[in-house]
Amino acid sequence: MSAAPHPAAPDYGRQSLSRLLPAVTASLGVPVDERWQDGDLVDLPPARSSVVVLVDGLGERLLRRRSGHAPFLRALLPGAEPSSAGFPSTTATSMGSFGTGRTPGEHGLLGYEVLVPGEDRVFNELSWEDGPSPRMWQPSETVFAGAARQGIEVVRIGPGFFDGSGLTEAALRGGRFVAADTLAQRVDAALAALRTGPRTLVYLYWGDLDKVGHVHGCESWQWGDELEAIDAEMARLARSLPGDTSLHITADHGMVDVPLHHRLDLAHDAELDAGVRHLGGEARALQLYVEDGAVGDVLTTWRERLSGTAAVVSRDEAIAAGWFGGVTDVNAARIGDVIAAMTAQFAVVDSRRQRKQLLELLGLHGSLSADELAIPWLRVPARTNA
């Protein structure tokens, strides 16, 4: 059975998440990496310092639909061209793109759960439990480390358990870390950090919107309430910034609500489970690591069963279609033999392998829909020359 037309690959151009931090550091006077050519990065107005806020789960389309809850952010939307996450549209992969300035296929953080080649096991790139050495898994210099090497004071602000975590070490190392709990405390920490050096890059992470969306759904009133709280703190941050400091607000992915009755459970589907050795990825972007010689059978079965709900492709087809951007040989071995990217409001789970709490999440992401890929890149330029 022939495959359905592939969904469009993410836009890995100048507006992509992987090029945001390089553009911001260039605006602070950091020399542009030789891999970037003229026009490859957005030309931002110069600033002495900058604050970059990443709101986990704040999809650009979601923000536009729910903008009544966010008057400050709404005012920044006109004229703001949306950015794009990469594939899969999930936090671990997006943090790799954001922190390294590289596409998923280049930095190698290729999903929520991925294979460790040669070890016949998958590990979770978000928790990094029993994961490989982060600096060996992702050896390229991060944008933060490069900026710090050029004399920029780099300050990263988030929950304390992020400091030294596997994902942080792989994707976001460089500079110093400041732990703070509430969003208000993180905004205060960002403002304090701007007073620590003549040129400062502050990164602030907030994850509660994603948590609310997963549990209650991104169309819920709870999601709207959380967006209101975020909007108020972003407005306070913008009002309080020194005049020579720019502000950038972005996200790692969007989200879609998938009702529980729109899910298929591999634990109760022997036909789909046949030939699958390890299940990687996540419910809307599965990466299947299959038994030797089973790729053809698995492709055929999954294409037939998920026709109209998912694009099912081989590893080579996904790479050729540009889903992961440029892919190195080392990183290609981490990608599933078969990939199932949901194209409808649908998901595939496995109750034998996944915790009950994960199976009950309403808001999901990971695939190639615009609701999942499109993210905001909202900018408040410095008010005075750097």
Protein backbone atom coordinates (compact mmCIF):
# COMPACT_ATOMS: atom_id res chain seq x y z
CA MET A 1 0.00 0.00 0.00
CA SER A 2 1.49 3.35 -0.96
CA ALA A 3 1.95 6.02 1.67
CA ALA A 4 -0.31 9.06 1.83
CA PRO A 5 1.27 12.42 0.96
CA HIS A 6 3.61 13.55 3.68
CA PRO A 7 2.56 16.49 5.88
CA ALA A 8 4.69 19.54 5.30
CA ALA A 9 7.96 19.59 7.22
CA PRO A 10 8.44 22.24 9.91
CA ASP A 11 9.82 25.56 8.76
CA TYR A 12 13.47 25.54 9.81
CA GLY A 13 14.11 28.99 8.31
CA ARG A 14 15.00 32.30 9.91
CA GLN A 15 11.81 32.45 12.03
CA SER A 16 12.30 28.97 13.50
CA LEU A 17 12.88 28.28 17.18
CA SER A 18 16.40 27.08 16.39
CA ARG A 19 17.36 30.53 15.14
CA LEU A 20 15.80 32.66 17.88
CA LEU A 21 18.67 32.67 20.37
CA PRO A 22 21.36 33.15 17.71
CA ALA A 23 19.46 36.20 16.47
CA VAL A 24 19.09 37.55 20.02
CA THR A 25 22.76 37.09 20.86
CA ALA A 26 23.72 38.77 17.59
CA SER A 27 21.64 41.78 18.69
CA LEU A 28 23.78 41.88 21.84
CA GLY A 29 26.96 42.07 19.80
CA VAL A 30 28.00 38.41 19.88
CA PRO A 31 29.79 37.50 16.61
CA VAL A 32 27.53 35.46 14.35
CA ASP A 33 28.54 31.83 13.95
CA GLU A 34 30.14 31.08 10.59
CA ARG A 35 27.39 28.58 9.74
CA TRP A 36 24.94 31.47 9.35
CA GLN A 37 24.92 33.40 6.10
CA ASP A 38 23.52 36.89 5.50
CA GLY A 39 19.76 36.71 5.84
CA ASP A 40 19.75 33.41 7.77
CA LEU A 41 18.91 35.17 11.03
CA VAL A 42 16.26 37.78 11.80
CA ASP A 43 17.99 41.16 11.98
CA LEU A 44 16.99 42.46 15.41
CA PRO A 45 17.57 46.00 16.69
CA PRO A 46 20.66 46.24 18.90
CA ALA A 47 20.23 46.03 22.66
CA ARG A 48 22.60 46.09 25.63
CA SER A 49 20.78 43.23 27.34
CA SER A 50 17.88 40.91 26.60
CA VAL A 51 15.36 38.74 28.42
CA VAL A 52 14.04 35.66 26.61
CA VAL A 53 10.96 34.04 28.13
CA LEU A 54 9.88 30.56 27.07
CA VAL A 55 6.32 29.66 28.08
CA ASP A 56 5.95 25.90 27.76
CA GLY A 57 2.90 24.97 25.66
CA LEU A 58 1.98 28.47 24.46
CA GLY A 59 1.06 27.67 20.86
CA GLU A 60 0.70 30.66 18.55
CA ARG A 61 -2.71 29.54 17.33
CA LEU A 62 -3.84 28.87 20.88
CA LEU A 63 -2.71 32.35 21.91
CA ARG A 64 -4.68 33.93 19.10
CA ARG A 65 -7.82 31.92 19.94
CA ARG A 66 -7.55 32.65 23.64
CA SER A 67 -6.16 36.19 23.33
CA GLY A 68 -9.07 37.66 25.28
CA HIS A 69 -7.26 36.37 28.35
CA ALA A 70 -4.01 38.10 27.40
CA PRO A 71 -4.33 41.81 26.59
CA PHE A 72 -0.58 42.47 26.85
CA LEU A 73 0.44 39.56 24.63
CA ARG A 74 -2.44 40.28 22.25
CA ALA A 75 -1.08 43.77 21.69
CA LEU A 76 2.21 42.26 20.51
CA LEU A 77 0.61 39.90 17.99
CA PRO A 78 -0.08 42.31 15.10
CA GLY A 79 2.83 42.14 12.73
CA ALA A 80 4.53 39.35 14.68
CA GLU A 81 5.29 36.52 12.28
CA PRO A 82 4.84 33.16 14.02
CA SER A 83 7.82 30.98 14.69
CA SER A 84 7.96 27.21 14.32
CA ALA A 85 9.01 24.36 16.56
CA GLY A 86 10.67 21.35 14.97
CA PHE A 87 9.62 17.72 14.79
CA PRO A 88 8.64 16.17 17.03
CA SER A 89 6.90 19.17 18.57
CA THR A 90 7.79 18.22 22.13
CA THR A 91 9.69 19.87 24.94
CA ALA A 92 12.93 17.87 24.91
CA THR A 93 13.38 18.30 21.16
CA SER A 94 12.43 21.97 21.21
CA MET A 95 14.80 22.72 24.10
CA GLY A 96 17.55 21.16 22.01
CA SER A 97 16.69 23.40 19.06
CA PHE A 98 16.28 26.50 21.22
CA GLY A 99 19.45 25.96 23.23
CA THR A 100 21.83 24.83 20.50
CA GLY A 101 20.58 26.79 17.48
CA ARG A 102 20.44 23.54 15.52
CA THR A 103 17.72 21.41 13.97
CA PRO A 104 16.58 18.22 15.74
CA GLY A 105 18.51 16.05 13.33
CA GLU A 106 21.66 18.03 14.11
CA HIS A 107 21.43 18.24 17.91
CA GLY A 108 20.06 14.71 18.35
CA LEU A 109 17.36 15.28 21.00
CA LEU A 110 14.82 13.53 18.86
CA GLY A 111 11.78 12.88 21.00
CA TYR A 112 10.15 12.30 24.35
CA GLU A 113 11.48 8.72 24.41
CA VAL A 114 14.23 7.62 22.03
CA LEU A 115 16.47 4.64 21.40
CA VAL A 116 20.00 4.48 22.73
CA PRO A 117 21.75 2.86 19.74
CA GLY A 118 23.74 -0.21 20.66
CA GLU A 119 21.97 -0.65 24.01
CA ASP A 120 18.60 -1.96 22.83
CA ARG A 121 16.61 0.36 25.11
CA VAL A 122 14.78 3.65 25.04
CA PHE A 123 15.13 6.44 27.57
CA ASN A 124 13.12 9.54 28.39
CA GLU A 125 14.88 12.71 27.22
CA LEU A 126 12.70 14.86 29.48
CA SER A 127 13.40 13.11 32.80
CA TRP A 128 16.79 11.76 31.59
CA GLU A 129 16.43 8.83 34.01
CA ASP A 130 19.18 6.28 33.25
CA GLY A 131 20.13 8.39 30.25
CA PRO A 132 23.57 8.63 28.65
CA SER A 133 26.04 11.39 29.43
CA PRO A 134 24.23 14.60 28.36
CA ARG A 135 27.38 16.20 26.98
CA MET A 136 28.22 13.13 24.95
CA TRP A 137 24.64 12.78 23.71
CA GLN A 138 24.65 16.44 22.61
CA PRO A 139 28.29 17.60 22.33
CA SER A 140 27.84 20.85 20.35
CA GLU A 141 28.35 24.15 22.14
CA THR A 142 25.09 25.73 23.24
CA VAL A 143 24.17 29.30 22.37
CA PHE A 144 24.31 30.20 26.06
CA ALA A 145 27.84 28.81 26.41
CA GLY A 146 28.94 30.64 23.26
CA ALA A 147 27.51 33.93 24.53
CA ALA A 148 29.19 33.50 27.91
CA ARG A 149 32.49 32.80 26.16
CA GLN A 150 32.10 36.17 24.39
CA GLY A 151 31.70 38.02 27.68
CA ILE A 152 27.90 38.12 27.97
CA GLU A 153 26.54 37.55 31.49
CA VAL A 154 24.18 34.59 30.95
CA VAL A 155 21.56 33.88 33.61
CA ARG A 156 19.06 31.02 33.35
CA ILE A 157 16.00 31.08 35.63
CA GLY A 158 13.72 28.14 36.37
CA PRO A 159 12.76 25.55 38.99
CA GLY A 160 15.63 24.34 41.14
CA PHE A 161 15.48 20.74 39.92
CA PHE A 162 16.37 21.93 36.40
CA ASP A 163 19.85 22.96 37.56
CA GLY A 164 22.24 20.23 36.42
CA SER A 165 19.50 17.99 35.02
CA GLY A 166 20.25 15.83 32.00
CA LEU A 167 18.18 17.91 29.59
CA THR A 168 19.60 21.17 30.93
CA GLU A 169 23.16 19.90 30.57
CA ALA A 170 22.49 18.61 27.07
CA ALA A 171 20.63 21.60 25.64
CA LEU A 172 20.86 24.65 27.90
CA ARG A 173 24.25 24.62 29.61
CA GLY A 174 26.20 27.84 29.90
CA GLY A 175 26.25 30.78 32.28
CA ARG A 176 24.75 30.49 35.75
CA PHE A 177 21.44 29.16 37.03
CA VAL A 178 19.05 30.92 39.41
CA ALA A 179 16.28 28.88 41.03
CA ALA A 180 12.89 30.48 41.66
CA ASP A 181 9.45 28.95 42.21
CA THR A 182 6.58 31.24 41.23
CA LEU A 183 6.39 33.20 38.02
CA ALA A 184 6.46 36.45 39.97
CA GLN A 185 9.67 35.33 41.69
CA ARG A 186 11.21 34.43 38.33
CA VAL A 187 10.32 37.85 36.92
CA ASP A 188 11.91 39.47 39.98
CA ALA A 189 15.00 37.30 39.50
CA ALA A 190 15.20 38.33 35.84
CA LEU A 191 15.08 42.01 36.74
CA ALA A 192 17.76 41.50 39.38
CA ALA A 193 19.96 39.60 36.93
CA LEU A 194 19.95 42.53 34.53
CA ARG A 195 21.89 44.51 37.13
CA THR A 196 24.74 41.99 37.34
CA GLY A 197 26.73 42.86 34.23
CA PRO A 198 27.18 45.41 31.46
CA ARG A 199 25.71 43.01 28.87
CA THR A 200 23.31 40.36 30.07
CA LEU A 201 21.23 37.60 28.51
CA VAL A 202 18.48 36.30 30.78
CA TYR A 203 16.49 33.17 30.01
CA LEU A 204 13.26 32.61 31.98
CA TYR A 205 11.28 29.37 31.73
CA TRP A 206 7.66 28.86 32.85
CA GLY A 207 6.00 25.44 32.59
CA ASP A 208 2.61 25.64 34.30
CA LEU A 209 0.61 26.47 31.16
CA ASP A 210 1.72 23.19 29.63
CA LYS A 211 0.79 21.30 32.80
CA VAL A 212 -2.68 22.84 32.88
CA GLY A 213 -3.19 22.08 29.20
CA HIS A 214 -2.18 18.46 29.63
CA VAL A 215 -4.48 17.87 32.59
CA HIS A 216 -7.51 20.04 31.79
CA GLY A 217 -7.13 20.62 28.05
CA CYS A 218 -5.91 23.69 26.20
CA GLU A 219 -9.48 24.81 25.52
CA SER A 220 -10.40 24.72 29.23
CA TRP A 221 -11.21 27.66 31.49
CA GLN A 222 -8.26 26.62 33.64
CA TRP A 223 -5.93 27.18 30.68
CA GLY A 224 -7.42 30.63 30.19
CA ASP A 225 -6.92 31.50 33.85
CA GLU A 226 -3.27 30.46 33.70
CA LEU A 227 -2.78 32.51 30.53
CA GLU A 228 -4.22 35.56 32.32
CA ALA A 229 -1.70 35.15 35.15
CA ILE A 230 1.17 34.81 32.68
CA ASP A 231 0.03 37.85 30.73
CA ALA A 232 -0.04 40.00 33.86
CA GLU A 233 3.53 39.03 34.79
CA MET A 234 4.80 39.55 31.25
CA ALA A 235 3.27 43.02 31.27
CA ARG A 236 4.99 43.77 34.60
CA LEU A 237 8.29 42.47 33.26
CA ALA A 238 8.06 44.65 30.15
CA ARG A 239 7.18 47.76 32.19
CA SER A 240 10.11 47.17 34.54
CA LEU A 241 12.87 46.53 32.02
CA PRO A 242 15.69 49.04 31.62
CA GLY A 243 15.33 51.06 28.43
CA ASP A 244 18.30 49.37 26.75
CA THR A 245 16.91 45.86 27.24
CA SER A 246 14.82 43.90 24.75
CA LEU A 247 12.21 41.25 25.57
CA HIS A 248 11.41 38.12 23.56
CA ILE A 249 8.54 35.76 24.42
CA THR A 250 8.27 32.36 22.77
CA ALA A 251 7.28 28.73 23.40
CA ASP A 252 8.42 25.20 22.69
CA HIS A 253 5.24 23.81 21.09
CA GLY A 254 1.48 24.18 20.92
CA MET A 255 -1.15 21.63 21.89
CA VAL A 256 -4.37 19.92 20.83
CA ASP A 257 -7.06 18.29 22.94
CA VAL A 258 -7.56 14.59 22.19
CA PRO A 259 -10.59 12.97 23.88
CA LEU A 260 -9.95 9.59 25.46
CA HIS A 261 -12.28 7.88 22.99
CA HIS A 262 -10.05 9.09 20.13
CA ARG A 263 -7.16 6.89 21.23
CA LEU A 264 -5.97 3.44 20.33
CA ASP A 265 -4.22 1.27 22.94
CA LEU A 266 -1.52 -1.08 21.66
CA ALA A 267 -1.98 -3.22 24.75
CA HIS A 268 -5.27 -4.38 23.25
CA ASP A 269 -4.28 -4.45 19.59
CA ALA A 270 -2.06 -7.40 18.73
CA GLU A 271 -2.09 -6.56 15.02
CA LEU A 272 -0.53 -3.13 15.49
CA ASP A 273 1.78 -4.36 18.21
CA ALA A 274 3.23 -7.12 16.04
CA GLY A 275 6.87 -6.56 15.13
CA VAL A 276 7.32 -3.55 17.46
CA ARG A 277 10.34 -4.14 19.69
CA HIS A 278 10.41 -0.73 21.41
CA LEU A 279 7.86 2.08 21.42
CA GLY A 280 9.38 5.55 21.42
CA GLY A 281 8.18 9.09 20.82
CA GLU A 282 4.81 9.91 22.32
CA ALA A 283 1.10 9.49 21.68
CA ARG A 284 0.88 11.87 18.69
CA ALA A 285 4.33 11.21 17.25
CA LEU A 286 5.25 7.57 17.71
CA GLN A 287 8.65 6.21 16.83
CA LEU A 288 8.57 2.45 16.38
CA TYR A 289 11.79 0.49 16.75
CA VAL A 290 10.93 -2.80 15.10
CA GLU A 291 12.22 -6.35 15.05
CA ASP A 292 14.78 -7.30 12.40
CA GLY A 293 13.15 -7.72 9.01
CA ALA A 294 9.78 -6.37 10.16
CA VAL A 295 9.90 -2.81 8.82
CA GLY A 296 7.89 -3.55 5.69
CA ASP A 297 5.15 -5.43 7.54
CA VAL A 298 4.88 -2.79 10.26
CA LEU A 299 4.70 0.01 7.69
CA THR A 300 1.95 -1.74 5.75
CA THR A 301 -0.13 -2.59 8.83
CA TRP A 302 0.14 0.84 10.43
CA ARG A 303 -0.62 2.64 7.17
CA GLU A 304 -3.73 0.56 6.63
CA ARG A 305 -4.99 0.83 10.19
CA LEU A 306 -4.23 4.54 10.67
CA SER A 307 -5.26 5.70 7.22
CA GLY A 308 -6.89 9.12 7.56
CA THR A 309 -5.57 9.68 11.08
CA ALA A 310 -1.77 9.55 10.75
CA ALA A 311 1.09 9.82 8.30
CA VAL A 312 3.08 6.60 8.68
CA VAL A 313 6.54 6.73 7.14
CA SER A 314 9.88 4.98 7.35
CA ARG A 315 12.91 6.63 8.91
CA ASP A 316 14.39 7.30 5.48
CA GLU A 317 11.15 8.84 4.24
CA ALA A 318 10.91 11.15 7.26
CA ILE A 319 14.50 12.28 6.81
CA ALA A 320 14.04 12.83 3.08
CA ALA A 321 10.86 14.82 3.75
CA GLY A 322 12.82 17.16 6.03
CA TRP A 323 10.84 16.45 9.18
CA PHE A 324 13.94 16.61 11.39
CA GLY A 325 15.87 19.18 9.34
CA GLY A 326 19.39 18.11 8.46
CA VAL A 327 20.25 14.78 10.10
CA THR A 328 23.73 13.52 10.96
CA ASP A 329 24.58 9.84 10.59
CA VAL A 330 25.02 9.47 14.34
CA ASN A 331 21.62 10.94 15.07
CA ALA A 332 19.80 9.04 12.32
CA ALA A 333 20.35 5.83 14.29
CA ARG A 334 18.27 7.29 17.15
CA ILE A 335 15.17 7.77 14.98
CA GLY A 336 12.48 5.10 14.87
CA ASP A 337 12.40 2.61 11.98
CA VAL A 338 8.75 3.65 11.48
CA ILE A 339 7.19 6.97 12.48
CA ALA A 340 3.48 7.60 12.94
CA ALA A 341 2.66 11.32 13.05
CA MET A 342 -0.97 12.05 13.83
CA THR A 343 -2.79 14.17 11.26
CA ALA A 344 -6.21 14.06 12.97
CA GLN A 345 -7.46 14.53 16.52
CA PHE A 346 -6.16 11.10 17.47
CA ALA A 347 -3.46 9.37 19.51
CA VAL A 348 -1.94 5.93 20.07
CA VAL A 349 -0.95 4.82 23.58
CA ASP A 350 0.28 1.67 25.29
CA SER A 351 -1.12 1.04 28.76
CA ARG A 352 1.47 -1.67 29.39
CA ARG A 353 4.35 0.78 29.17
CA GLN A 354 2.89 4.15 30.16
CA ARG A 355 1.83 5.42 33.57
CA LYS A 356 -1.87 5.92 34.28
CA GLN A 357 -1.37 9.66 34.71
CA LEU A 358 0.08 9.94 31.21
CA LEU A 359 -2.75 7.91 29.70
CA GLU A 360 -5.30 10.31 31.21
CA LEU A 361 -3.78 13.54 29.85
CA LEU A 362 -6.25 15.45 27.66
CA GLY A 363 -3.95 17.97 25.97
CA LEU A 364 -1.29 16.41 23.75
CA HIS A 365 1.35 17.48 21.22
CA GLY A 366 4.28 16.13 19.24
CA SER A 367 3.01 15.96 15.66
CA LEU A 368 3.08 18.20 12.60
CA SER A 369 -0.21 20.10 12.80
CA ALA A 370 -0.06 23.89 12.81
CA ASP A 371 -1.65 23.91 16.28
CA GLU A 372 1.35 21.94 17.55
CA LEU A 373 4.15 23.47 15.49
CA ALA A 374 3.29 27.19 15.40
CA ILE A 375 4.71 29.14 18.34
CA PRO A 376 4.86 32.87 19.02
CA TRP A 377 7.94 35.03 18.78
CA LEU A 378 6.77 38.25 20.41
CA ARG A 379 9.24 41.10 20.69
CA VAL A 380 9.51 44.26 22.73
CA PRO A 381 12.59 46.12 21.40
CA ALA A 382 14.92 48.12 23.58
CA ARG A 383 13.69 51.71 23.92
CA THR A 384 17.15 53.26 23.68
CA ASN A 385 20.17 52.43 21.56
CA ALA A 386 22.52 49.79 22.93
